[in-house]
Amino acid sequence: MKTQGTRWIAALAAGSLLAGCASMDEGQRTTATGAAIGAVAGAVLGGVTAGGNKGKSAATGAAIGAALGAGGGYLWSRHMAEQKAAMEQATAGTGIGVTQTADNELKLEIPSDVSFDSGRYDIKPGLHAVLDRFASTLNQHPVTQVRVVGHTDNVGSDAVNNPLSVNRAASTRDYLVSRGVAPSRIAIDGRGSHEPIADNGSAAGRAKNRRVEIFVSEGGR
């Protein structure tokens, strides 16, 4: 009977939190979903570990879980959703991928045909408009942090490719800074040829591996 009570509390907590999701925007929906998942987990764990008064502990667990779920790893805030939508619009038809990662970062994956020529780290003119729009969204949401990661194909040695990948990330950072983004918000890294996403055995695969990835996350992560 107590087990049924615990389940009922968990279901009630989840249902009440999810009931209004249909009318929410993307950021609100994901926050509410996180709260609901946290409520269920909190209620079940509270009931299992309580020993005595399972109903009270389940209710307490549901409340704590809801708060943690809303504010923790399930959060995809409104301004992050706005940045994603803006970048999807700005990059439409360019071949640049805009995604939300599993740990709730915004990711821009910029292939070589719009970013850098082979063996070079100066940004192609065709990328300027995209980075201009990206810098604008960053300036509108100053709480976010940026990480730029450069990559190369496997042509050449690490002695060449490792600094080349860092320089590509640095060029991207410097361009964003020139458009008003605070340099303290931007970290850079280079992975050389060590994280390919395609087969380096073909020209098409090597072109995919020559890329820059830009990650945007909530401040304080």
N, C-alpha and C. Protein backbone atom coordinates (compact mmCIF):
# COMPACT_ATOMS: atom_id res chain seq x y z
N MET A 1 0.83 -1.20 0.00
CA MET A 1 0.00 0.00 0.00
C MET A 1 0.87 1.26 0.00
N LYS A 2 1.97 1.23 0.84
CA LYS A 2 2.86 2.38 0.88
C LYS A 2 3.57 2.57 -0.44
N THR A 3 3.93 1.43 -1.07
CA THR A 3 4.59 1.51 -2.38
C THR A 3 3.68 2.18 -3.40
N GLN A 4 2.39 1.81 -3.36
CA GLN A 4 1.44 2.43 -4.27
C GLN A 4 1.33 3.93 -4.01
N GLY A 5 1.38 4.33 -2.73
CA GLY A 5 1.33 5.74 -2.39
C GLY A 5 2.52 6.50 -2.94
N THR A 6 3.69 5.87 -2.85
CA THR A 6 4.90 6.50 -3.38
C THR A 6 4.78 6.71 -4.87
N ARG A 7 4.31 5.66 -5.58
CA ARG A 7 4.14 5.77 -7.02
C ARG A 7 3.14 6.84 -7.38
N TRP A 8 2.08 6.94 -6.59
CA TRP A 8 1.05 7.94 -6.87
C TRP A 8 1.62 9.34 -6.73
N ILE A 9 2.43 9.57 -5.70
CA ILE A 9 3.04 10.88 -5.49
C ILE A 9 3.97 11.22 -6.65
N ALA A 10 4.77 10.23 -7.07
CA ALA A 10 5.70 10.45 -8.20
C ALA A 10 4.94 10.82 -9.46
N ALA A 11 3.87 10.07 -9.74
CA ALA A 11 3.08 10.34 -10.94
C ALA A 11 2.42 11.71 -10.87
N LEU A 12 1.90 12.06 -9.69
CA LEU A 12 1.25 13.36 -9.53
C LEU A 12 2.24 14.49 -9.73
N ALA A 13 3.45 14.32 -9.18
CA ALA A 13 4.47 15.37 -9.32
C ALA A 13 4.84 15.55 -10.78
N ALA A 14 5.06 14.45 -11.47
CA ALA A 14 5.44 14.54 -12.88
C ALA A 14 4.31 15.12 -13.72
N GLY A 15 3.08 14.63 -13.47
CA GLY A 15 1.96 15.09 -14.28
C GLY A 15 1.68 16.56 -14.11
N SER A 16 1.76 17.06 -12.89
CA SER A 16 1.47 18.47 -12.66
C SER A 16 2.50 19.36 -13.31
N LEU A 17 3.75 18.90 -13.35
CA LEU A 17 4.81 19.71 -13.95
C LEU A 17 4.76 19.68 -15.47
N LEU A 18 4.32 18.56 -16.05
CA LEU A 18 4.30 18.44 -17.50
C LEU A 18 3.00 18.97 -18.12
N ALA A 19 1.99 19.20 -17.31
CA ALA A 19 0.68 19.54 -17.84
C ALA A 19 0.69 20.81 -18.68
N GLY A 20 1.51 21.79 -18.28
CA GLY A 20 1.52 23.05 -19.02
C GLY A 20 2.56 23.14 -20.10
N CYS A 21 3.26 22.06 -20.39
CA CYS A 21 4.39 22.14 -21.34
C CYS A 21 3.97 22.49 -22.75
N ALA A 22 2.76 22.14 -23.15
CA ALA A 22 2.36 22.34 -24.54
C ALA A 22 2.39 23.80 -24.94
N SER A 23 2.16 24.71 -23.99
CA SER A 23 2.10 26.13 -24.32
C SER A 23 3.43 26.84 -24.09
N MET A 24 4.49 26.09 -23.72
CA MET A 24 5.77 26.72 -23.40
C MET A 24 6.67 26.79 -24.62
N ASP A 25 7.67 27.71 -24.55
CA ASP A 25 8.69 27.73 -25.58
C ASP A 25 9.71 26.64 -25.29
N GLU A 26 10.73 26.52 -26.15
CA GLU A 26 11.67 25.40 -26.04
C GLU A 26 12.40 25.41 -24.70
N GLY A 27 12.87 26.58 -24.28
CA GLY A 27 13.60 26.63 -23.02
C GLY A 27 12.73 26.27 -21.84
N GLN A 28 11.50 26.78 -21.82
CA GLN A 28 10.60 26.47 -20.72
C GLN A 28 10.23 25.00 -20.71
N ARG A 29 10.00 24.40 -21.90
CA ARG A 29 9.62 22.99 -21.95
C ARG A 29 10.71 22.10 -21.39
N THR A 30 11.96 22.36 -21.76
CA THR A 30 13.03 21.48 -21.29
C THR A 30 13.27 21.65 -19.80
N THR A 31 13.10 22.86 -19.29
CA THR A 31 13.23 23.07 -17.86
C THR A 31 12.13 22.32 -17.12
N ALA A 32 10.90 22.40 -17.62
CA ALA A 32 9.79 21.69 -16.99
C ALA A 32 9.99 20.18 -17.07
N THR A 33 10.50 19.69 -18.20
CA THR A 33 10.75 18.27 -18.33
C THR A 33 11.79 17.82 -17.31
N GLY A 34 12.84 18.61 -17.15
CA GLY A 34 13.84 18.28 -16.15
C GLY A 34 13.25 18.25 -14.76
N ALA A 35 12.37 19.20 -14.46
CA ALA A 35 11.72 19.22 -13.16
C ALA A 35 10.88 17.97 -12.94
N ALA A 36 10.17 17.55 -13.99
CA ALA A 36 9.32 16.37 -13.87
C ALA A 36 10.15 15.11 -13.64
N ILE A 37 11.23 14.97 -14.41
CA ILE A 37 12.10 13.81 -14.23
C ILE A 37 12.70 13.81 -12.83
N GLY A 38 13.13 14.99 -12.39
CA GLY A 38 13.68 15.08 -11.04
C GLY A 38 12.65 14.74 -9.98
N ALA A 39 11.40 15.15 -10.20
CA ALA A 39 10.35 14.86 -9.24
C ALA A 39 10.11 13.37 -9.10
N VAL A 40 10.06 12.67 -10.24
CA VAL A 40 9.85 11.23 -10.21
C VAL A 40 11.00 10.54 -9.47
N ALA A 41 12.23 10.90 -9.85
CA ALA A 41 13.38 10.28 -9.22
C ALA A 41 13.40 10.58 -7.72
N GLY A 42 13.12 11.83 -7.37
CA GLY A 42 13.14 12.20 -5.96
C GLY A 42 12.08 11.48 -5.16
N ALA A 43 10.89 11.35 -5.73
CA ALA A 43 9.81 10.67 -5.03
C ALA A 43 10.12 9.20 -4.81
N VAL A 44 10.61 8.54 -5.87
CA VAL A 44 10.91 7.12 -5.76
C VAL A 44 12.04 6.87 -4.78
N LEU A 45 13.11 7.66 -4.89
CA LEU A 45 14.22 7.48 -3.97
C LEU A 45 13.82 7.80 -2.54
N GLY A 46 13.01 8.84 -2.38
CA GLY A 46 12.55 9.17 -1.04
C GLY A 46 11.75 8.04 -0.43
N GLY A 47 10.89 7.40 -1.25
CA GLY A 47 10.10 6.29 -0.75
C GLY A 47 10.91 5.07 -0.43
N VAL A 48 11.93 4.81 -1.25
CA VAL A 48 12.75 3.61 -1.05
C VAL A 48 13.62 3.72 0.17
N THR A 49 14.18 4.92 0.39
CA THR A 49 15.17 5.06 1.46
C THR A 49 14.58 5.48 2.80
N ALA A 50 13.29 5.81 2.83
CA ALA A 50 12.74 6.38 4.05
C ALA A 50 12.65 5.41 5.21
N GLY A 51 12.26 4.19 4.94
CA GLY A 51 12.09 3.22 6.01
C GLY A 51 10.74 3.38 6.66
N GLY A 52 10.49 4.48 7.36
CA GLY A 52 9.26 4.67 8.10
C GLY A 52 8.18 5.33 7.30
N ASN A 53 8.14 6.64 7.36
CA ASN A 53 7.07 7.39 6.71
C ASN A 53 7.40 7.59 5.23
N LYS A 54 7.05 6.61 4.39
CA LYS A 54 7.42 6.66 2.98
C LYS A 54 6.66 7.75 2.24
N GLY A 55 5.41 7.96 2.58
CA GLY A 55 4.63 8.96 1.87
C GLY A 55 5.20 10.35 2.03
N LYS A 56 5.57 10.70 3.27
CA LYS A 56 6.15 12.02 3.53
C LYS A 56 7.49 12.17 2.85
N SER A 57 8.32 11.11 2.91
CA SER A 57 9.63 11.19 2.29
C SER A 57 9.53 11.26 0.78
N ALA A 58 8.56 10.57 0.21
CA ALA A 58 8.37 10.64 -1.24
C ALA A 58 7.99 12.04 -1.67
N ALA A 59 7.11 12.67 -0.90
CA ALA A 59 6.70 14.03 -1.23
C ALA A 59 7.88 14.99 -1.14
N THR A 60 8.67 14.83 -0.08
CA THR A 60 9.86 15.68 0.08
C THR A 60 10.84 15.45 -1.04
N GLY A 61 11.05 14.17 -1.37
CA GLY A 61 11.97 13.83 -2.46
C GLY A 61 11.51 14.40 -3.78
N ALA A 62 10.20 14.37 -4.02
CA ALA A 62 9.67 14.90 -5.27
C ALA A 62 9.94 16.39 -5.39
N ALA A 63 9.74 17.12 -4.28
CA ALA A 63 9.97 18.56 -4.31
C ALA A 63 11.43 18.89 -4.55
N ILE A 64 12.32 18.18 -3.86
CA ILE A 64 13.75 18.42 -4.04
C ILE A 64 14.17 18.03 -5.44
N GLY A 65 13.70 16.87 -5.91
CA GLY A 65 14.06 16.41 -7.25
C GLY A 65 13.59 17.37 -8.32
N ALA A 66 12.39 17.93 -8.14
CA ALA A 66 11.89 18.88 -9.13
C ALA A 66 12.78 20.10 -9.22
N ALA A 67 13.23 20.61 -8.07
CA ALA A 67 14.10 21.78 -8.07
C ALA A 67 15.43 21.48 -8.74
N LEU A 68 16.00 20.33 -8.41
CA LEU A 68 17.28 19.96 -9.00
C LEU A 68 17.15 19.70 -10.49
N GLY A 69 16.06 19.05 -10.89
CA GLY A 69 15.87 18.77 -12.31
C GLY A 69 15.69 20.04 -13.12
N ALA A 70 14.98 21.01 -12.54
CA ALA A 70 14.75 22.26 -13.26
C ALA A 70 16.02 23.07 -13.40
N GLY A 71 16.86 23.04 -12.39
CA GLY A 71 18.04 23.90 -12.39
C GLY A 71 19.32 23.20 -12.78
N GLY A 72 19.30 21.91 -13.03
CA GLY A 72 20.52 21.17 -13.26
C GLY A 72 20.75 20.81 -14.71
N GLY A 73 21.13 19.56 -14.94
CA GLY A 73 21.60 19.15 -16.26
C GLY A 73 20.55 19.15 -17.34
N TYR A 74 19.26 19.26 -17.01
CA TYR A 74 18.24 19.23 -18.05
C TYR A 74 17.94 20.62 -18.59
N LEU A 75 18.61 21.63 -18.05
CA LEU A 75 18.27 23.00 -18.41
C LEU A 75 18.74 23.37 -19.81
N TRP A 76 17.87 23.86 -20.62
CA TRP A 76 18.20 24.47 -21.91
C TRP A 76 17.45 25.78 -21.90
N SER A 77 18.14 26.84 -21.51
CA SER A 77 17.48 28.09 -21.18
C SER A 77 16.92 28.80 -22.40
N ARG A 78 16.09 29.78 -22.14
CA ARG A 78 15.45 30.50 -23.23
C ARG A 78 16.47 31.20 -24.11
N HIS A 79 17.49 31.83 -23.50
CA HIS A 79 18.42 32.55 -24.35
C HIS A 79 19.34 31.61 -25.13
N MET A 80 19.58 30.39 -24.63
CA MET A 80 20.31 29.41 -25.42
C MET A 80 19.48 28.96 -26.61
N ALA A 81 18.19 28.77 -26.38
CA ALA A 81 17.29 28.39 -27.48
C ALA A 81 17.21 29.51 -28.51
N GLU A 82 17.22 30.76 -28.05
CA GLU A 82 17.19 31.89 -28.97
C GLU A 82 18.45 31.95 -29.83
N GLN A 83 19.60 31.69 -29.20
CA GLN A 83 20.85 31.69 -29.96
C GLN A 83 20.86 30.58 -31.00
N LYS A 84 20.36 29.42 -30.62
CA LYS A 84 20.31 28.30 -31.56
C LYS A 84 19.43 28.65 -32.76
N ALA A 85 18.26 29.21 -32.50
CA ALA A 85 17.36 29.58 -33.58
C ALA A 85 17.99 30.63 -34.49
N ALA A 86 18.67 31.61 -33.88
CA ALA A 86 19.30 32.67 -34.67
C ALA A 86 20.42 32.12 -35.55
N MET A 87 21.20 31.18 -35.01
CA MET A 87 22.30 30.63 -35.78
C MET A 87 21.80 29.67 -36.86
N GLU A 88 20.73 28.97 -36.61
CA GLU A 88 20.13 28.13 -37.65
C GLU A 88 19.69 28.98 -38.83
N GLN A 89 19.13 30.14 -38.53
CA GLN A 89 18.70 31.04 -39.60
C GLN A 89 19.91 31.61 -40.34
N ALA A 90 20.94 32.00 -39.59
CA ALA A 90 22.12 32.63 -40.19
C ALA A 90 22.93 31.66 -41.03
N THR A 91 22.89 30.37 -40.69
CA THR A 91 23.73 29.38 -41.38
C THR A 91 22.97 28.56 -42.41
N ALA A 92 21.70 28.84 -42.60
CA ALA A 92 20.89 28.07 -43.54
C ALA A 92 21.54 28.04 -44.92
N GLY A 93 21.75 26.83 -45.45
CA GLY A 93 22.31 26.68 -46.77
C GLY A 93 23.81 26.79 -46.86
N THR A 94 24.50 26.97 -45.73
CA THR A 94 25.96 27.14 -45.74
C THR A 94 26.72 25.84 -45.52
N GLY A 95 26.04 24.81 -45.04
CA GLY A 95 26.71 23.57 -44.69
C GLY A 95 27.21 23.53 -43.26
N ILE A 96 27.00 24.61 -42.51
CA ILE A 96 27.40 24.67 -41.10
C ILE A 96 26.32 23.99 -40.26
N GLY A 97 26.73 23.06 -39.43
CA GLY A 97 25.78 22.36 -38.57
C GLY A 97 25.57 23.10 -37.27
N VAL A 98 24.31 23.21 -36.83
CA VAL A 98 23.97 23.85 -35.56
C VAL A 98 23.15 22.84 -34.76
N THR A 99 23.69 22.41 -33.63
CA THR A 99 23.03 21.38 -32.84
C THR A 99 23.09 21.70 -31.35
N GLN A 100 22.28 20.97 -30.60
CA GLN A 100 22.34 20.99 -29.14
C GLN A 100 23.00 19.69 -28.70
N THR A 101 24.06 19.79 -27.93
CA THR A 101 24.79 18.60 -27.52
C THR A 101 24.09 17.92 -26.35
N ALA A 102 24.57 16.71 -26.03
CA ALA A 102 23.97 15.94 -24.95
C ALA A 102 24.10 16.64 -23.60
N ASP A 103 25.14 17.45 -23.44
CA ASP A 103 25.30 18.17 -22.18
C ASP A 103 24.85 19.63 -22.30
N ASN A 104 23.91 19.87 -23.21
CA ASN A 104 23.23 21.16 -23.33
C ASN A 104 24.15 22.31 -23.68
N GLU A 105 25.05 22.07 -24.61
CA GLU A 105 25.80 23.15 -25.23
C GLU A 105 25.27 23.37 -26.65
N LEU A 106 25.38 24.60 -27.11
CA LEU A 106 25.11 24.90 -28.51
C LEU A 106 26.40 24.64 -29.29
N LYS A 107 26.31 23.88 -30.38
CA LYS A 107 27.49 23.52 -31.16
C LYS A 107 27.34 23.97 -32.59
N LEU A 108 28.34 24.71 -33.09
CA LEU A 108 28.44 25.05 -34.50
C LEU A 108 29.62 24.27 -35.07
N GLU A 109 29.37 23.48 -36.10
CA GLU A 109 30.42 22.72 -36.76
C GLU A 109 30.63 23.32 -38.14
N ILE A 110 31.81 23.90 -38.35
CA ILE A 110 32.08 24.68 -39.55
C ILE A 110 33.07 23.93 -40.42
N PRO A 111 32.65 23.42 -41.58
CA PRO A 111 33.54 22.64 -42.44
C PRO A 111 34.54 23.52 -43.18
N SER A 112 35.53 22.87 -43.77
CA SER A 112 36.63 23.60 -44.41
C SER A 112 36.20 24.42 -45.61
N ASP A 113 35.14 23.99 -46.31
CA ASP A 113 34.77 24.71 -47.53
C ASP A 113 34.22 26.10 -47.24
N VAL A 114 33.86 26.39 -45.99
CA VAL A 114 33.43 27.74 -45.64
C VAL A 114 34.32 28.38 -44.59
N SER A 115 35.36 27.70 -44.16
CA SER A 115 36.17 28.24 -43.07
C SER A 115 37.63 28.51 -43.46
N PHE A 116 38.40 27.46 -43.77
CA PHE A 116 39.82 27.61 -44.02
C PHE A 116 40.25 26.78 -45.22
N ASP A 117 41.19 27.32 -46.00
CA ASP A 117 41.82 26.54 -47.05
C ASP A 117 42.79 25.54 -46.43
N SER A 118 43.13 24.51 -47.18
CA SER A 118 44.04 23.48 -46.69
C SER A 118 45.39 24.10 -46.32
N GLY A 119 45.85 23.79 -45.11
CA GLY A 119 47.14 24.26 -44.65
C GLY A 119 47.17 25.70 -44.18
N ARG A 120 46.01 26.36 -44.12
CA ARG A 120 45.97 27.77 -43.74
C ARG A 120 45.05 27.98 -42.54
N TYR A 121 45.22 29.13 -41.89
CA TYR A 121 44.37 29.43 -40.75
C TYR A 121 43.75 30.83 -40.83
N ASP A 122 43.84 31.49 -41.98
CA ASP A 122 43.12 32.74 -42.17
C ASP A 122 41.69 32.43 -42.62
N ILE A 123 40.74 33.09 -42.00
CA ILE A 123 39.33 32.79 -42.24
C ILE A 123 38.91 33.22 -43.64
N LYS A 124 38.18 32.34 -44.31
CA LYS A 124 37.65 32.68 -45.63
C LYS A 124 36.59 33.79 -45.53
N PRO A 125 36.54 34.67 -46.51
CA PRO A 125 35.55 35.76 -46.48
C PRO A 125 34.11 35.27 -46.35
N GLY A 126 33.82 34.09 -46.90
CA GLY A 126 32.46 33.58 -46.84
C GLY A 126 31.97 33.28 -45.44
N LEU A 127 32.90 33.14 -44.50
CA LEU A 127 32.51 32.85 -43.11
C LEU A 127 32.24 34.12 -42.31
N HIS A 128 32.65 35.26 -42.83
CA HIS A 128 32.53 36.50 -42.06
C HIS A 128 31.09 36.80 -41.66
N ALA A 129 30.16 36.66 -42.59
CA ALA A 129 28.77 37.00 -42.29
C ALA A 129 28.19 36.12 -41.19
N VAL A 130 28.57 34.83 -41.21
CA VAL A 130 28.08 33.91 -40.18
C VAL A 130 28.66 34.29 -38.82
N LEU A 131 29.96 34.57 -38.78
CA LEU A 131 30.58 34.95 -37.51
C LEU A 131 30.09 36.30 -37.02
N ASP A 132 29.76 37.19 -37.94
CA ASP A 132 29.17 38.48 -37.53
C ASP A 132 27.85 38.25 -36.79
N ARG A 133 27.01 37.38 -37.36
CA ARG A 133 25.72 37.09 -36.72
C ARG A 133 25.93 36.37 -35.40
N PHE A 134 26.89 35.46 -35.37
CA PHE A 134 27.18 34.73 -34.15
C PHE A 134 27.66 35.68 -33.06
N ALA A 135 28.55 36.60 -33.41
CA ALA A 135 29.04 37.58 -32.43
C ALA A 135 27.89 38.43 -31.90
N SER A 136 26.95 38.77 -32.78
CA SER A 136 25.80 39.56 -32.36
C SER A 136 24.97 38.82 -31.31
N THR A 137 24.73 37.51 -31.53
CA THR A 137 23.96 36.75 -30.54
C THR A 137 24.73 36.62 -29.22
N LEU A 138 26.05 36.48 -29.30
CA LEU A 138 26.84 36.40 -28.08
C LEU A 138 26.78 37.70 -27.30
N ASN A 139 26.83 38.82 -28.00
CA ASN A 139 26.77 40.12 -27.33
C ASN A 139 25.41 40.38 -26.71
N GLN A 140 24.38 39.76 -27.27
CA GLN A 140 23.04 39.90 -26.70
C GLN A 140 22.86 39.03 -25.46
N HIS A 141 23.70 38.01 -25.30
CA HIS A 141 23.59 37.08 -24.17
C HIS A 141 24.96 36.94 -23.50
N PRO A 142 25.37 37.94 -22.75
CA PRO A 142 26.74 37.98 -22.22
C PRO A 142 27.04 36.96 -21.13
N VAL A 143 26.06 36.19 -20.68
CA VAL A 143 26.34 35.20 -19.63
C VAL A 143 26.91 33.91 -20.19
N THR A 144 26.89 33.75 -21.52
CA THR A 144 27.38 32.50 -22.10
C THR A 144 28.89 32.52 -22.28
N GLN A 145 29.46 31.31 -22.33
CA GLN A 145 30.89 31.12 -22.55
C GLN A 145 31.10 30.35 -23.85
N VAL A 146 32.23 30.59 -24.50
CA VAL A 146 32.50 30.03 -25.82
C VAL A 146 33.80 29.22 -25.78
N ARG A 147 33.78 28.08 -26.47
CA ARG A 147 34.98 27.27 -26.64
C ARG A 147 35.13 26.96 -28.13
N VAL A 148 36.27 27.31 -28.71
CA VAL A 148 36.53 27.09 -30.12
C VAL A 148 37.60 26.02 -30.25
N VAL A 149 37.29 24.97 -31.03
CA VAL A 149 38.22 23.84 -31.19
C VAL A 149 38.53 23.68 -32.67
N GLY A 150 39.83 23.71 -33.01
CA GLY A 150 40.26 23.53 -34.38
C GLY A 150 40.69 22.10 -34.65
N HIS A 151 40.49 21.65 -35.90
CA HIS A 151 40.86 20.29 -36.32
C HIS A 151 41.52 20.34 -37.69
N THR A 152 42.31 19.30 -38.00
CA THR A 152 42.93 19.16 -39.32
C THR A 152 42.69 17.75 -39.84
N ASP A 153 43.06 17.53 -41.12
CA ASP A 153 43.10 16.16 -41.62
C ASP A 153 44.44 15.54 -41.24
N ASN A 154 44.74 14.36 -41.75
CA ASN A 154 45.97 13.67 -41.32
C ASN A 154 47.14 13.87 -42.28
N VAL A 155 47.01 14.79 -43.22
CA VAL A 155 48.12 15.08 -44.12
C VAL A 155 49.15 15.92 -43.36
N GLY A 156 50.38 15.43 -43.31
CA GLY A 156 51.41 16.13 -42.56
C GLY A 156 51.57 15.55 -41.17
N SER A 157 52.56 16.04 -40.46
CA SER A 157 52.89 15.51 -39.13
C SER A 157 52.17 16.30 -38.04
N ASP A 158 52.20 15.75 -36.82
CA ASP A 158 51.64 16.47 -35.67
C ASP A 158 52.34 17.80 -35.46
N ALA A 159 53.62 17.86 -35.79
CA ALA A 159 54.37 19.11 -35.61
C ALA A 159 53.78 20.24 -36.44
N VAL A 160 53.13 19.87 -37.55
CA VAL A 160 52.46 20.86 -38.39
C VAL A 160 50.99 21.01 -38.02
N ASN A 161 50.31 19.90 -37.85
CA ASN A 161 48.85 19.92 -37.68
C ASN A 161 48.41 20.42 -36.31
N ASN A 162 49.13 20.10 -35.27
CA ASN A 162 48.70 20.54 -33.94
C ASN A 162 48.69 22.07 -33.82
N PRO A 163 49.77 22.76 -34.17
CA PRO A 163 49.69 24.23 -34.12
C PRO A 163 48.73 24.82 -35.14
N LEU A 164 48.57 24.16 -36.29
CA LEU A 164 47.63 24.65 -37.30
C LEU A 164 46.21 24.64 -36.74
N SER A 165 45.85 23.58 -36.04
CA SER A 165 44.50 23.50 -35.48
C SER A 165 44.28 24.57 -34.41
N VAL A 166 45.31 24.83 -33.60
CA VAL A 166 45.20 25.89 -32.59
C VAL A 166 45.08 27.25 -33.25
N ASN A 167 45.86 27.47 -34.29
CA ASN A 167 45.81 28.76 -35.00
C ASN A 167 44.45 29.00 -35.65
N ARG A 168 43.81 27.94 -36.14
CA ARG A 168 42.47 28.10 -36.70
C ARG A 168 41.48 28.52 -35.62
N ALA A 169 41.59 27.91 -34.45
CA ALA A 169 40.73 28.31 -33.34
C ALA A 169 41.03 29.75 -32.92
N ALA A 170 42.31 30.11 -32.91
CA ALA A 170 42.69 31.47 -32.50
C ALA A 170 42.18 32.51 -33.50
N SER A 171 42.24 32.19 -34.79
CA SER A 171 41.73 33.12 -35.80
C SER A 171 40.24 33.36 -35.63
N THR A 172 39.51 32.28 -35.31
CA THR A 172 38.07 32.41 -35.08
C THR A 172 37.80 33.26 -33.86
N ARG A 173 38.55 33.01 -32.78
CA ARG A 173 38.40 33.82 -31.56
C ARG A 173 38.70 35.29 -31.85
N ASP A 174 39.79 35.55 -32.55
CA ASP A 174 40.18 36.93 -32.80
C ASP A 174 39.14 37.66 -33.63
N TYR A 175 38.51 36.95 -34.56
CA TYR A 175 37.46 37.59 -35.35
C TYR A 175 36.27 37.96 -34.47
N LEU A 176 35.87 37.05 -33.59
CA LEU A 176 34.74 37.33 -32.69
C LEU A 176 35.07 38.50 -31.76
N VAL A 177 36.31 38.54 -31.27
CA VAL A 177 36.73 39.65 -30.41
C VAL A 177 36.67 40.96 -31.18
N SER A 178 37.05 40.93 -32.45
CA SER A 178 37.00 42.16 -33.27
C SER A 178 35.57 42.64 -33.47
N ARG A 179 34.62 41.76 -33.22
CA ARG A 179 33.20 42.13 -33.34
C ARG A 179 32.57 42.39 -31.97
N GLY A 180 33.40 42.59 -30.96
CA GLY A 180 32.90 43.05 -29.66
C GLY A 180 32.73 42.00 -28.59
N VAL A 181 33.02 40.73 -28.87
CA VAL A 181 32.90 39.69 -27.84
C VAL A 181 34.12 39.76 -26.91
N ALA A 182 33.89 39.75 -25.63
CA ALA A 182 34.98 39.86 -24.66
C ALA A 182 35.91 38.65 -24.78
N PRO A 183 37.21 38.87 -24.90
CA PRO A 183 38.13 37.73 -25.05
C PRO A 183 38.12 36.79 -23.85
N SER A 184 37.74 37.30 -22.68
CA SER A 184 37.69 36.46 -21.48
C SER A 184 36.61 35.39 -21.55
N ARG A 185 35.66 35.56 -22.49
CA ARG A 185 34.58 34.59 -22.64
C ARG A 185 34.95 33.44 -23.56
N ILE A 186 36.08 33.54 -24.25
CA ILE A 186 36.40 32.58 -25.32
C ILE A 186 37.65 31.79 -24.98
N ALA A 187 37.50 30.48 -24.91
CA ALA A 187 38.64 29.57 -24.75
C ALA A 187 38.89 28.88 -26.09
N ILE A 188 40.16 28.58 -26.38
CA ILE A 188 40.47 27.91 -27.63
C ILE A 188 41.25 26.63 -27.37
N ASP A 189 41.17 25.71 -28.33
CA ASP A 189 41.90 24.45 -28.24
C ASP A 189 42.11 23.94 -29.66
N GLY A 190 43.12 23.11 -29.84
CA GLY A 190 43.37 22.48 -31.12
C GLY A 190 43.62 21.01 -30.93
N ARG A 191 43.00 20.19 -31.74
CA ARG A 191 43.11 18.74 -31.62
C ARG A 191 43.91 18.11 -32.76
N GLY A 192 44.50 18.93 -33.62
CA GLY A 192 45.27 18.40 -34.73
C GLY A 192 44.41 17.47 -35.58
N SER A 193 44.98 16.30 -35.90
CA SER A 193 44.25 15.31 -36.72
C SER A 193 43.69 14.18 -35.88
N HIS A 194 43.64 14.34 -34.56
CA HIS A 194 43.38 13.22 -33.66
C HIS A 194 41.90 12.92 -33.42
N GLU A 195 40.98 13.77 -33.92
CA GLU A 195 39.55 13.52 -33.73
C GLU A 195 38.82 13.62 -35.06
N PRO A 196 39.12 12.73 -35.99
CA PRO A 196 38.45 12.78 -37.30
C PRO A 196 36.98 12.39 -37.18
N ILE A 197 36.18 12.95 -38.07
CA ILE A 197 34.77 12.58 -38.14
C ILE A 197 34.47 11.85 -39.44
N ALA A 198 35.50 11.70 -40.28
CA ALA A 198 35.33 11.02 -41.57
C ALA A 198 36.63 10.31 -41.92
N ASP A 199 36.58 9.50 -42.96
CA ASP A 199 37.74 8.71 -43.38
C ASP A 199 38.76 9.60 -44.07
N ASN A 200 39.97 9.63 -43.52
CA ASN A 200 41.03 10.43 -44.12
C ASN A 200 41.58 9.82 -45.40
N GLY A 201 41.07 8.65 -45.77
CA GLY A 201 41.55 8.00 -46.98
C GLY A 201 41.01 8.60 -48.27
N SER A 202 40.07 9.51 -48.19
CA SER A 202 39.50 10.15 -49.38
C SER A 202 39.60 11.66 -49.24
N ALA A 203 39.60 12.35 -50.39
CA ALA A 203 39.66 13.81 -50.37
C ALA A 203 38.43 14.40 -49.68
N ALA A 204 37.27 13.77 -49.92
CA ALA A 204 36.04 14.26 -49.29
C ALA A 204 36.10 14.09 -47.78
N GLY A 205 36.63 12.96 -47.32
CA GLY A 205 36.76 12.73 -45.89
C GLY A 205 37.72 13.69 -45.24
N ARG A 206 38.86 13.93 -45.89
CA ARG A 206 39.83 14.87 -45.34
C ARG A 206 39.24 16.28 -45.24
N ALA A 207 38.44 16.66 -46.23
CA ALA A 207 37.80 17.98 -46.19
C ALA A 207 36.86 18.11 -44.99
N LYS A 208 36.14 17.03 -44.66
CA LYS A 208 35.24 17.07 -43.51
C LYS A 208 36.02 17.19 -42.20
N ASN A 209 37.20 16.58 -42.17
CA ASN A 209 37.99 16.60 -40.94
C ASN A 209 38.67 17.94 -40.70
N ARG A 210 38.89 18.72 -41.76
CA ARG A 210 39.43 20.07 -41.60
C ARG A 210 38.27 20.98 -41.23
N ARG A 211 38.15 21.28 -39.96
CA ARG A 211 36.95 21.97 -39.50
C ARG A 211 37.24 22.74 -38.22
N VAL A 212 36.31 23.58 -37.86
CA VAL A 212 36.32 24.26 -36.56
C VAL A 212 34.98 23.99 -35.89
N GLU A 213 35.03 23.70 -34.62
CA GLU A 213 33.81 23.51 -33.82
C GLU A 213 33.75 24.61 -32.77
N ILE A 214 32.58 25.21 -32.65
CA ILE A 214 32.37 26.25 -31.65
C ILE A 214 31.27 25.78 -30.70
N PHE A 215 31.57 25.80 -29.41
CA PHE A 215 30.62 25.38 -28.39
C PHE A 215 30.25 26.58 -27.52
N VAL A 216 28.97 26.72 -27.24
CA VAL A 216 28.48 27.79 -26.36
C VAL A 216 27.77 27.14 -25.18
N SER A 217 28.12 27.57 -23.98
CA SER A 217 27.51 27.00 -22.78
C SER A 217 27.08 28.10 -21.83
N GLU A 218 26.24 27.73 -20.88
CA GLU A 218 25.83 28.67 -19.85
C GLU A 218 27.02 29.08 -19.02
N GLY A 219 27.04 30.33 -18.57
CA GLY A 219 28.12 30.80 -17.72
C GLY A 219 28.15 30.02 -16.41
N GLY A 220 29.35 29.81 -15.88
CA GLY A 220 29.52 29.12 -14.61
C GLY A 220 29.69 27.64 -14.72
N ARG A 221 29.65 27.08 -15.95
CA ARG A 221 29.84 25.64 -16.10
C ARG A 221 31.29 25.27 -15.90
